Amino acid sequence: MVFAAVLVAGVAYAFVELRGESGIGALLHRRTQVHQFEIDNQKLNREIQQHQDRIQRLEQNPTEQEFEIRQRLKFAKPGEKIYIFEPGSKK
């Protein structure tokens, strides 16, 4: 009889713990979060690699350096004309 009462109490305790805030639902939620963090981390690593590749290209290629500088600072060589179109302009 005591054994049955202890067994019932143990099953009830396990049921409450598994259904509670730190139970199976929380475990599944944490696993989903970890998976999403892993995906985000992979994406960020790809972006970092792309930026590092671009930096390396800029360091090794003077033509690409010149293009980037001219594009960002809107520089022109003598005799060149630069046309700048504003977004949303109808001309």
N, C-alpha and C. Protein backbone atom coordinates (compact mmCIF):
# COMPACT_ATOMS: atom_id res chain seq x y z
N MET A 1 0.82 -1.19 0.00
CA MET A 1 0.00 0.00 0.00
C MET A 1 0.86 1.26 0.00
N VAL A 2 1.89 1.27 0.82
CA VAL A 2 2.80 2.41 0.88
C VAL A 2 3.53 2.54 -0.46
N PHE A 3 3.92 1.40 -1.00
CA PHE A 3 4.60 1.41 -2.29
C PHE A 3 3.72 2.03 -3.38
N ALA A 4 2.46 1.69 -3.40
CA ALA A 4 1.52 2.24 -4.38
C ALA A 4 1.36 3.74 -4.19
N ALA A 5 1.30 4.19 -2.95
CA ALA A 5 1.15 5.62 -2.67
C ALA A 5 2.40 6.38 -3.13
N VAL A 6 3.57 5.82 -2.86
CA VAL A 6 4.83 6.45 -3.29
C VAL A 6 4.90 6.47 -4.82
N LEU A 7 4.49 5.40 -5.45
CA LEU A 7 4.48 5.32 -6.91
C LEU A 7 3.53 6.36 -7.51
N VAL A 8 2.33 6.48 -6.96
CA VAL A 8 1.37 7.46 -7.44
C VAL A 8 1.91 8.87 -7.23
N ALA A 9 2.51 9.12 -6.06
CA ALA A 9 3.08 10.45 -5.78
C ALA A 9 4.22 10.74 -6.76
N GLY A 10 5.05 9.76 -7.04
CA GLY A 10 6.15 9.94 -7.99
C GLY A 10 5.66 10.23 -9.40
N VAL A 11 4.64 9.51 -9.83
CA VAL A 11 4.07 9.73 -11.16
C VAL A 11 3.44 11.12 -11.22
N ALA A 12 2.74 11.52 -10.18
CA ALA A 12 2.11 12.84 -10.14
C ALA A 12 3.17 13.94 -10.18
N TYR A 13 4.25 13.74 -9.41
CA TYR A 13 5.33 14.73 -9.39
C TYR A 13 5.98 14.83 -10.78
N ALA A 14 6.25 13.70 -11.40
CA ALA A 14 6.85 13.69 -12.73
C ALA A 14 5.92 14.39 -13.74
N PHE A 15 4.64 14.12 -13.66
CA PHE A 15 3.68 14.74 -14.57
C PHE A 15 3.69 16.26 -14.41
N VAL A 16 3.69 16.73 -13.18
CA VAL A 16 3.68 18.17 -12.92
C VAL A 16 4.98 18.80 -13.41
N GLU A 17 6.10 18.17 -13.17
CA GLU A 17 7.40 18.71 -13.60
C GLU A 17 7.52 18.74 -15.12
N LEU A 18 7.05 17.69 -15.77
CA LEU A 18 7.15 17.65 -17.23
C LEU A 18 6.22 18.64 -17.90
N ARG A 19 5.12 18.98 -17.27
CA ARG A 19 4.17 19.94 -17.84
C ARG A 19 4.46 21.37 -17.40
N GLY A 20 5.35 21.57 -16.45
CA GLY A 20 5.62 22.89 -15.89
C GLY A 20 6.49 23.76 -16.79
N GLU A 21 6.95 24.88 -16.21
CA GLU A 21 7.74 25.86 -16.95
C GLU A 21 9.06 25.30 -17.47
N SER A 22 9.64 24.36 -16.78
CA SER A 22 10.91 23.80 -17.21
C SER A 22 10.74 22.38 -17.75
N GLY A 23 9.57 22.10 -18.24
CA GLY A 23 9.28 20.75 -18.71
C GLY A 23 9.59 20.54 -20.18
N ILE A 24 8.86 19.64 -20.78
CA ILE A 24 9.10 19.25 -22.16
C ILE A 24 8.86 20.42 -23.12
N GLY A 25 7.83 21.20 -22.88
CA GLY A 25 7.54 22.35 -23.75
C GLY A 25 8.70 23.33 -23.77
N ALA A 26 9.25 23.60 -22.60
CA ALA A 26 10.39 24.52 -22.51
C ALA A 26 11.61 23.93 -23.21
N LEU A 27 11.81 22.63 -23.07
CA LEU A 27 12.93 21.96 -23.73
C LEU A 27 12.80 22.07 -25.25
N LEU A 28 11.60 21.84 -25.76
CA LEU A 28 11.38 21.96 -27.20
C LEU A 28 11.59 23.40 -27.68
N HIS A 29 11.13 24.35 -26.88
CA HIS A 29 11.32 25.76 -27.22
C HIS A 29 12.81 26.11 -27.26
N ARG A 30 13.58 25.64 -26.29
CA ARG A 30 15.02 25.90 -26.26
C ARG A 30 15.72 25.25 -27.46
N ARG A 31 15.29 24.05 -27.83
CA ARG A 31 15.89 23.40 -29.00
C ARG A 31 15.60 24.20 -30.27
N THR A 32 14.39 24.72 -30.38
CA THR A 32 14.04 25.55 -31.54
C THR A 32 14.90 26.81 -31.56
N GLN A 33 15.08 27.43 -30.40
CA GLN A 33 15.92 28.63 -30.32
C GLN A 33 17.35 28.32 -30.71
N VAL A 34 17.89 27.22 -30.21
CA VAL A 34 19.26 26.85 -30.53
C VAL A 34 19.41 26.64 -32.03
N HIS A 35 18.44 25.96 -32.63
CA HIS A 35 18.48 25.73 -34.07
C HIS A 35 18.46 27.06 -34.83
N GLN A 36 17.60 27.99 -34.41
CA GLN A 36 17.54 29.29 -35.07
C GLN A 36 18.85 30.05 -34.88
N PHE A 37 19.44 29.98 -33.70
CA PHE A 37 20.73 30.64 -33.46
C PHE A 37 21.82 30.05 -34.35
N GLU A 38 21.78 28.73 -34.56
CA GLU A 38 22.76 28.10 -35.43
C GLU A 38 22.61 28.58 -36.87
N ILE A 39 21.37 28.71 -37.33
CA ILE A 39 21.12 29.22 -38.68
C ILE A 39 21.61 30.66 -38.81
N ASP A 40 21.28 31.48 -37.80
CA ASP A 40 21.72 32.88 -37.82
C ASP A 40 23.25 32.96 -37.80
N ASN A 41 23.88 32.11 -37.03
CA ASN A 41 25.33 32.10 -36.93
C ASN A 41 25.96 31.73 -38.27
N GLN A 42 25.40 30.74 -38.96
CA GLN A 42 25.90 30.36 -40.28
C GLN A 42 25.78 31.52 -41.27
N LYS A 43 24.65 32.21 -41.21
CA LYS A 43 24.44 33.36 -42.09
C LYS A 43 25.47 34.45 -41.81
N LEU A 44 25.69 34.75 -40.54
CA LEU A 44 26.68 35.77 -40.18
C LEU A 44 28.09 35.36 -40.59
N ASN A 45 28.41 34.09 -40.45
CA ASN A 45 29.73 33.62 -40.88
C ASN A 45 29.92 33.78 -42.38
N ARG A 46 28.86 33.49 -43.16
CA ARG A 46 28.94 33.70 -44.62
C ARG A 46 29.15 35.18 -44.94
N GLU A 47 28.43 36.06 -44.23
CA GLU A 47 28.59 37.50 -44.46
C GLU A 47 30.00 37.96 -44.11
N ILE A 48 30.53 37.46 -43.01
CA ILE A 48 31.90 37.81 -42.62
C ILE A 48 32.87 37.37 -43.69
N GLN A 49 32.70 36.15 -44.20
CA GLN A 49 33.59 35.64 -45.25
C GLN A 49 33.48 36.49 -46.51
N GLN A 50 32.28 36.91 -46.87
CA GLN A 50 32.11 37.77 -48.05
C GLN A 50 32.81 39.11 -47.86
N HIS A 51 32.70 39.68 -46.66
CA HIS A 51 33.37 40.95 -46.38
C HIS A 51 34.88 40.78 -46.41
N GLN A 52 35.37 39.69 -45.85
CA GLN A 52 36.81 39.45 -45.87
C GLN A 52 37.32 39.26 -47.30
N ASP A 53 36.55 38.57 -48.13
CA ASP A 53 36.94 38.40 -49.53
C ASP A 53 36.97 39.74 -50.26
N ARG A 54 35.98 40.57 -49.99
CA ARG A 54 35.94 41.89 -50.63
C ARG A 54 37.12 42.75 -50.19
N ILE A 55 37.44 42.72 -48.91
CA ILE A 55 38.59 43.47 -48.40
C ILE A 55 39.87 43.00 -49.08
N GLN A 56 40.00 41.69 -49.20
CA GLN A 56 41.20 41.14 -49.85
C GLN A 56 41.27 41.59 -51.32
N ARG A 57 40.13 41.57 -52.03
CA ARG A 57 40.12 42.03 -53.42
C ARG A 57 40.52 43.50 -53.52
N LEU A 58 39.99 44.32 -52.59
CA LEU A 58 40.33 45.74 -52.61
C LEU A 58 41.80 45.97 -52.30
N GLU A 59 42.36 45.16 -51.41
CA GLU A 59 43.78 45.31 -51.07
C GLU A 59 44.68 44.91 -52.23
N GLN A 60 44.25 43.96 -53.05
CA GLN A 60 45.12 43.41 -54.09
C GLN A 60 44.85 43.99 -55.47
N ASN A 61 43.77 44.70 -55.68
CA ASN A 61 43.41 45.15 -57.01
C ASN A 61 43.25 46.67 -57.04
N PRO A 62 44.24 47.39 -57.56
CA PRO A 62 44.16 48.86 -57.60
C PRO A 62 42.98 49.37 -58.43
N THR A 63 42.60 48.66 -59.48
CA THR A 63 41.48 49.08 -60.30
C THR A 63 40.19 49.06 -59.49
N GLU A 64 40.00 48.01 -58.71
CA GLU A 64 38.81 47.92 -57.88
C GLU A 64 38.83 48.98 -56.78
N GLN A 65 40.02 49.27 -56.24
CA GLN A 65 40.14 50.34 -55.25
C GLN A 65 39.69 51.67 -55.85
N GLU A 66 40.21 51.96 -57.05
CA GLU A 66 39.87 53.22 -57.71
C GLU A 66 38.36 53.31 -57.97
N PHE A 67 37.77 52.21 -58.44
CA PHE A 67 36.34 52.19 -58.71
C PHE A 67 35.56 52.48 -57.43
N GLU A 68 35.93 51.83 -56.34
CA GLU A 68 35.23 52.02 -55.07
C GLU A 68 35.35 53.45 -54.58
N ILE A 69 36.55 54.01 -54.66
CA ILE A 69 36.77 55.39 -54.21
C ILE A 69 35.96 56.35 -55.06
N ARG A 70 36.01 56.18 -56.37
CA ARG A 70 35.28 57.07 -57.28
C ARG A 70 33.78 56.96 -57.06
N GLN A 71 33.30 55.76 -56.82
CA GLN A 71 31.87 55.57 -56.61
C GLN A 71 31.41 56.20 -55.31
N ARG A 72 32.15 55.97 -54.24
CA ARG A 72 31.72 56.50 -52.93
C ARG A 72 31.85 58.02 -52.83
N LEU A 73 32.95 58.55 -53.36
CA LEU A 73 33.20 59.98 -53.23
C LEU A 73 32.72 60.78 -54.43
N LYS A 74 32.18 60.06 -55.43
CA LYS A 74 31.67 60.69 -56.65
C LYS A 74 32.74 61.52 -57.33
N PHE A 75 33.93 60.95 -57.42
CA PHE A 75 35.03 61.58 -58.14
C PHE A 75 34.92 61.25 -59.62
N ALA A 76 35.45 62.16 -60.43
CA ALA A 76 35.47 61.92 -61.88
C ALA A 76 36.86 62.25 -62.41
N LYS A 77 37.23 61.56 -63.46
CA LYS A 77 38.47 61.88 -64.14
C LYS A 77 38.23 63.10 -65.01
N PRO A 78 39.28 63.81 -65.36
CA PRO A 78 39.10 64.98 -66.24
C PRO A 78 38.38 64.58 -67.53
N GLY A 79 37.37 65.35 -67.88
CA GLY A 79 36.61 65.09 -69.09
C GLY A 79 35.39 64.20 -68.88
N GLU A 80 35.27 63.53 -67.74
CA GLU A 80 34.11 62.67 -67.46
C GLU A 80 32.97 63.51 -66.90
N LYS A 81 31.78 63.06 -67.14
CA LYS A 81 30.60 63.69 -66.56
C LYS A 81 29.90 62.66 -65.68
N ILE A 82 29.44 63.11 -64.53
CA ILE A 82 28.74 62.22 -63.61
C ILE A 82 27.29 62.71 -63.52
N TYR A 83 26.39 61.77 -63.71
CA TYR A 83 24.96 62.08 -63.58
C TYR A 83 24.45 61.36 -62.34
N ILE A 84 23.81 62.13 -61.47
CA ILE A 84 23.26 61.58 -60.24
C ILE A 84 21.75 61.72 -60.29
N PHE A 85 21.07 60.61 -60.20
CA PHE A 85 19.61 60.60 -60.22
C PHE A 85 19.10 60.37 -58.81
N GLU A 86 18.21 61.23 -58.40
CA GLU A 86 17.60 61.09 -57.08
C GLU A 86 16.53 60.01 -57.15
N PRO A 87 16.41 59.20 -56.11
CA PRO A 87 15.34 58.20 -56.10
C PRO A 87 13.98 58.86 -56.14
N GLY A 88 13.11 58.38 -57.00
CA GLY A 88 11.76 58.93 -57.10
C GLY A 88 11.64 60.08 -58.07
N SER A 89 12.75 60.52 -58.66
CA SER A 89 12.64 61.61 -59.63
C SER A 89 12.05 61.09 -60.93
N LYS A 90 11.29 61.93 -61.62
CA LYS A 90 10.59 61.48 -62.82
C LYS A 90 11.29 61.90 -64.11
N LYS A 91 12.43 62.47 -64.04
CA LYS A 91 13.14 62.95 -65.24
C LYS A 91 13.95 61.86 -65.87
